[in-house]
Protein backbone atom coordinates (compact mmCIF):
# COMPACT_ATOMS: atom_id res chain seq x y z
CA MET A 1 107.66 63.63 -67.37
CA LYS A 2 106.46 65.43 -64.28
CA ARG A 3 102.78 65.94 -63.76
CA ASP A 4 101.49 69.48 -63.67
CA LYS A 5 98.37 69.67 -61.55
CA ALA A 6 97.63 73.21 -62.73
CA LEU A 7 97.67 71.94 -66.32
CA MET A 8 95.45 69.02 -65.34
CA ALA A 9 92.95 71.45 -63.79
CA GLU A 10 93.05 73.68 -66.87
CA ILE A 11 92.52 70.72 -69.20
CA LEU A 12 89.55 69.57 -67.11
CA THR A 13 88.06 73.07 -67.14
CA THR A 14 88.68 73.37 -70.88
CA LEU A 15 86.92 70.08 -71.59
CA ALA A 16 83.97 71.17 -69.47
CA SER A 17 83.73 74.40 -71.48
CA PHE A 18 83.07 72.37 -74.63
CA GLY A 19 79.66 71.39 -73.28
CA THR A 20 78.28 68.37 -75.07
CA THR A 21 81.03 68.46 -77.70
CA TYR A 22 83.98 66.19 -77.04
CA GLY A 23 87.53 67.46 -77.59
CA ASP A 24 90.61 65.96 -79.14
CA VAL A 25 94.15 66.92 -78.16
CA GLU A 26 94.39 69.56 -80.90
CA LYS A 27 91.15 71.25 -79.84
CA ILE A 28 92.19 71.21 -76.19
CA GLN A 29 95.63 72.58 -77.12
CA GLY A 30 94.03 75.52 -78.93
CA GLU A 31 92.00 76.52 -75.89
CA LEU A 32 94.69 76.36 -73.20
CA SER A 33 96.18 79.55 -71.83
CA VAL A 34 99.67 78.28 -72.68
CA LYS A 35 99.37 77.65 -76.41
CA HIS A 36 102.78 76.03 -76.84
CA GLN A 37 102.02 72.91 -74.78
CA ALA A 38 103.24 69.92 -76.77
CA PRO A 39 100.49 67.45 -77.75
CA GLU A 40 102.29 64.62 -75.94
CA VAL A 41 102.28 66.67 -72.70
CA ILE A 42 98.54 67.28 -73.03
CA LEU A 43 97.92 63.61 -73.80
CA HIS A 44 99.99 62.54 -70.78
CA HIS A 45 97.93 64.77 -68.50
CA LEU A 46 94.68 63.59 -70.06
CA ARG A 47 95.74 60.04 -69.23
CA LEU A 48 96.45 61.08 -65.65
CA LEU A 49 92.97 62.60 -65.46
CA HIS A 50 91.61 59.38 -66.94
CA ASP A 51 93.44 57.38 -64.24
CA ARG A 52 91.51 59.41 -61.66
CA GLY A 53 88.21 58.79 -63.45
CA LEU A 54 87.74 62.49 -64.20
CA VAL A 55 87.74 62.18 -67.99
CA ALA A 56 86.75 59.49 -70.47
CA VAL A 57 87.88 58.85 -74.02
CA ASP A 58 86.10 57.23 -76.94
CA MET A 59 87.60 55.00 -79.65
CA HIS A 60 88.33 58.05 -81.83
CA ASN A 61 90.43 59.71 -79.09
CA PHE A 62 87.86 62.35 -78.26
CA TRP A 63 87.81 63.25 -74.58
CA ARG A 64 85.00 64.35 -72.27
CA VAL A 65 84.51 65.15 -68.59
CA THR A 66 82.94 62.39 -66.52
CA ASP A 67 80.40 62.82 -63.75
CA GLN A 68 83.25 62.57 -61.23
CA GLY A 69 85.10 65.24 -63.19
CA TYR A 70 82.16 67.61 -62.91
CA ASP A 71 82.04 66.89 -59.16
CA VAL A 72 85.69 67.96 -58.88
CA LEU A 73 85.00 71.12 -60.88
CA GLU A 74 81.99 71.97 -58.72
CA ALA A 75 84.15 71.48 -55.62
CA GLY A 76 86.58 74.09 -56.88
CA GLY A 77 88.85 71.84 -58.93
CA LYS A 78 90.74 70.40 -55.96
CA LEU A 79 93.02 67.94 -57.78
CA LEU A 80 95.49 67.86 -54.91
CA GLN A 81 93.32 65.69 -52.69
CA ALA A 82 94.24 62.01 -52.57
CA HIS A 83 91.71 59.58 -54.04
CA ASP A 84 91.38 57.18 -51.21
CA MET A 85 91.22 59.77 -48.47
CA PRO A 86 87.87 61.20 -47.40
CA PRO A 87 87.45 64.97 -47.74
CA GLU A 88 88.81 66.88 -44.74
CA ALA A 89 85.31 68.01 -43.74
CA ASN A 90 84.08 64.40 -43.80
CA GLN A 91 86.51 62.26 -41.83
CA GLY A 92 84.00 59.63 -40.84
CA ILE A 93 82.02 58.93 -37.69
CA ASP A 94 85.06 59.19 -35.41
CA ASN A 95 85.66 62.91 -35.96
């Protein structure tokens, strides 16, 4: 399955819109702009977001945005930037 970074960004934004309420796959699915996304596609992309540390999940499979996830949203949702690379504007002391 290919990753869809636009879907990842929309899922992250959707989770953030829930406020202090966590969301399960069904709740997330109901809020996405493309309503026919299969649950397994949403779950796959949630796991990719989890790999990046942008979302967390509890033992009941309810998802929430992490502090890092909110940082990404506040930075404009730039999911395309590599993890281990510093932001372009902050390339270290040698720039």
